[in-house]
Amino acid sequence: MARSLVKYALKMSKTTPLAPLFLGGFIGLVFLIVVVLIPNLWGQMAGLLGDLPHMFNKFNEWLLSLPEHYPELIDYQMVDSIFSSVRTKNSRF
């Protein structure tokens, strides 16, 4: 894709003086993505992976509290079977 944009910009440079601005804008946009966006995404992903165990524990606490609030709908065996199946699937990874 970048190669076709460069070819287009070079072809346009013969007909219009705006082609170097187009090429410079494209290079600037790629530079902005590499310098700003990718490090931010990396930090967000690292934060998410660091928070996953805490999120899983909070979900476990919430799920274990459901039988207390809704005993006619959910019992502890259902909750235990859900978490045992999740743990076995999680241990494969």
C-alpha atoms as a PDB file:
ATOM      1  CA  MET A   1       0.000   0.000   0.000  1.00  0.00           C
ATOM      2  CA  ALA A   2       2.783   2.408   0.892  1.00  0.00           C
ATOM      3  CA  ARG A   3       4.549   1.647  -2.378  1.00  0.00           C
ATOM      4  CA  SER A   4       1.439   2.501  -4.391  1.00  0.00           C
ATOM      5  CA  LEU A   5       1.037   5.752  -2.441  1.00  0.00           C
ATOM      6  CA  VAL A   6       4.639   6.699  -3.171  1.00  0.00           C
ATOM      7  CA  LYS A   7       4.151   5.907  -6.881  1.00  0.00           C
ATOM      8  CA  TYR A   8       1.008   8.018  -6.888  1.00  0.00           C
ATOM      9  CA  ALA A   9       2.768  10.887  -5.151  1.00  0.00           C
ATOM     10  CA  LEU A  10       5.678  10.768  -7.585  1.00  0.00           C
ATOM     11  CA  LYS A  11       3.302  10.708 -10.548  1.00  0.00           C
ATOM     12  CA  MET A  12       1.375  13.624  -9.099  1.00  0.00           C
ATOM     13  CA  SER A  13       4.570  15.611  -8.546  1.00  0.00           C
ATOM     14  CA  LYS A  14       4.886  15.986 -12.306  1.00  0.00           C
ATOM     15  CA  THR A  15       1.422  17.505 -12.576  1.00  0.00           C
ATOM     16  CA  THR A  16       0.795  19.264  -9.269  1.00  0.00           C
ATOM     17  CA  PRO A  17       3.072  20.917  -6.738  1.00  0.00           C
ATOM     18  CA  LEU A  18       1.002  19.457  -3.847  1.00  0.00           C
ATOM     19  CA  ALA A  19       2.375  15.938  -4.224  1.00  0.00           C
ATOM     20  CA  PRO A  20       5.418  16.565  -1.980  1.00  0.00           C
ATOM     21  CA  LEU A  21       3.040  17.816   0.708  1.00  0.00           C
ATOM     22  CA  PHE A  22       0.957  14.673   0.304  1.00  0.00           C
ATOM     23  CA  LEU A  23       4.027  12.469   0.638  1.00  0.00           C
ATOM     24  CA  GLY A  24       5.301  14.506   3.598  1.00  0.00           C
ATOM     25  CA  GLY A  25       1.896  14.227   5.284  1.00  0.00           C
ATOM     26  CA  PHE A  26       1.893  10.487   4.793  1.00  0.00           C
ATOM     27  CA  ILE A  27       5.393  10.118   6.219  1.00  0.00           C
ATOM     28  CA  GLY A  28       4.439  12.380   9.122  1.00  0.00           C
ATOM     29  CA  LEU A  29       1.347  10.306   9.838  1.00  0.00           C
ATOM     30  CA  VAL A  30       3.362   7.079   9.852  1.00  0.00           C
ATOM     31  CA  PHE A  31       5.926   8.703  12.151  1.00  0.00           C
ATOM     32  CA  LEU A  32       3.152   9.864  14.489  1.00  0.00           C
ATOM     33  CA  ILE A  33       1.665   6.371  14.628  1.00  0.00           C
ATOM     34  CA  VAL A  34       5.038   4.777  15.356  1.00  0.00           C
ATOM     35  CA  VAL A  35       6.157   7.335  17.951  1.00  0.00           C
ATOM     36  CA  VAL A  36       2.873   8.099  19.749  1.00  0.00           C
ATOM     37  CA  LEU A  37       0.211   5.503  19.115  1.00  0.00           C
ATOM     38  CA  ILE A  38       2.157   2.251  19.357  1.00  0.00           C
ATOM     39  CA  PRO A  39       3.813   3.060  22.731  1.00  0.00           C
ATOM     40  CA  ASN A  40       0.433   4.090  24.164  1.00  0.00           C
ATOM     41  CA  LEU A  41      -1.172   0.877  22.951  1.00  0.00           C
ATOM     42  CA  TRP A  42       1.724  -1.113  24.380  1.00  0.00           C
ATOM     43  CA  GLY A  43       1.266   0.533  27.786  1.00  0.00           C
ATOM     44  CA  GLN A  44      -2.484  -0.091  27.728  1.00  0.00           C
ATOM     45  CA  MET A  45      -1.946  -3.748  26.842  1.00  0.00           C
ATOM     46  CA  ALA A  46       0.627  -4.170  29.616  1.00  0.00           C
ATOM     47  CA  GLY A  47      -1.786  -2.582  32.098  1.00  0.00           C
ATOM     48  CA  LEU A  48      -4.592  -4.871  30.981  1.00  0.00           C
ATOM     49  CA  LEU A  49      -2.447  -7.972  31.304  1.00  0.00           C
ATOM     50  CA  GLY A  50      -1.303  -6.835  34.744  1.00  0.00           C
ATOM     51  CA  ASP A  51      -4.887  -6.243  35.899  1.00  0.00           C
ATOM     52  CA  LEU A  52      -6.332  -9.501  34.558  1.00  0.00           C
ATOM     53  CA  PRO A  53      -5.632 -11.555  37.730  1.00  0.00           C
ATOM     54  CA  HIS A  54      -7.311  -8.884  39.888  1.00  0.00           C
ATOM     55  CA  MET A  55     -10.268  -8.733  37.500  1.00  0.00           C
ATOM     56  CA  PHE A  56     -10.590 -12.518  37.577  1.00  0.00           C
ATOM     57  CA  ASN A  57     -10.541 -12.528  41.400  1.00  0.00           C
ATOM     58  CA  LYS A  58     -13.198  -9.791  41.590  1.00  0.00           C
ATOM     59  CA  PHE A  59     -15.349 -11.724  39.130  1.00  0.00           C
ATOM     60  CA  ASN A  60     -14.892 -14.825  41.269  1.00  0.00           C
ATOM     61  CA  GLU A  61     -16.024 -12.937  44.383  1.00  0.00           C
ATOM     62  CA  TRP A  62     -19.060 -11.557  42.555  1.00  0.00           C
ATOM     63  CA  LEU A  63     -19.998 -14.948  41.184  1.00  0.00           C
ATOM     64  CA  LEU A  64     -19.653 -16.533  44.613  1.00  0.00           C
ATOM     65  CA  SER A  65     -21.965 -13.883  46.060  1.00  0.00           C
ATOM     66  CA  LEU A  66     -24.743 -14.696  43.590  1.00  0.00           C
ATOM     67  CA  PRO A  67     -26.013 -17.790  45.456  1.00  0.00           C
ATOM     68  CA  GLU A  68     -26.415 -15.658  48.579  1.00  0.00           C
ATOM     69  CA  HIS A  69     -28.521 -13.099  46.735  1.00  0.00           C
ATOM     70  CA  TYR A  70     -30.429 -15.501  44.453  1.00  0.00           C
ATOM     71  CA  PRO A  71     -30.511 -18.902  46.174  1.00  0.00           C
ATOM     72  CA  GLU A  72     -33.494 -20.117  44.147  1.00  0.00           C
ATOM     73  CA  LEU A  73     -31.682 -19.526  40.835  1.00  0.00           C
ATOM     74  CA  ILE A  74     -28.010 -20.302  41.513  1.00  0.00           C
ATOM     75  CA  ASP A  75     -26.383 -22.730  43.899  1.00  0.00           C
ATOM     76  CA  TYR A  76     -22.754 -23.114  44.928  1.00  0.00           C
ATOM     77  CA  GLN A  77     -22.275 -26.274  42.873  1.00  0.00           C
ATOM     78  CA  MET A  78     -23.056 -24.371  39.666  1.00  0.00           C
ATOM     79  CA  VAL A  79     -20.566 -21.663  40.548  1.00  0.00           C
ATOM     80  CA  ASP A  80     -17.932 -24.215  41.483  1.00  0.00           C
ATOM     81  CA  SER A  81     -18.429 -26.153  38.247  1.00  0.00           C
ATOM     82  CA  ILE A  82     -18.105 -22.947  36.206  1.00  0.00           C
ATOM     83  CA  PHE A  83     -14.821 -22.012  37.858  1.00  0.00           C
ATOM     84  CA  SER A  84     -13.401 -25.512  37.700  1.00  0.00           C
ATOM     85  CA  SER A  85     -14.063 -25.636  33.951  1.00  0.00           C
ATOM     86  CA  VAL A  86     -12.527 -22.178  33.494  1.00  0.00           C
ATOM     87  CA  ARG A  87      -9.452 -23.182  35.493  1.00  0.00           C
ATOM     88  CA  THR A  88      -8.942 -26.368  33.468  1.00  0.00           C
ATOM     89  CA  LYS A  89      -9.260 -24.464  30.192  1.00  0.00           C
ATOM     90  CA  ASN A  90      -6.975 -21.737  31.520  1.00  0.00           C
ATOM     91  CA  SER A  91      -4.331 -24.257  32.585  1.00  0.00           C
ATOM     92  CA  ARG A  92      -3.969 -25.437  28.959  1.00  0.00           C
ATOM     93  CA  PHE A  93      -2.549 -22.074  28.000  1.00  0.00           C
END
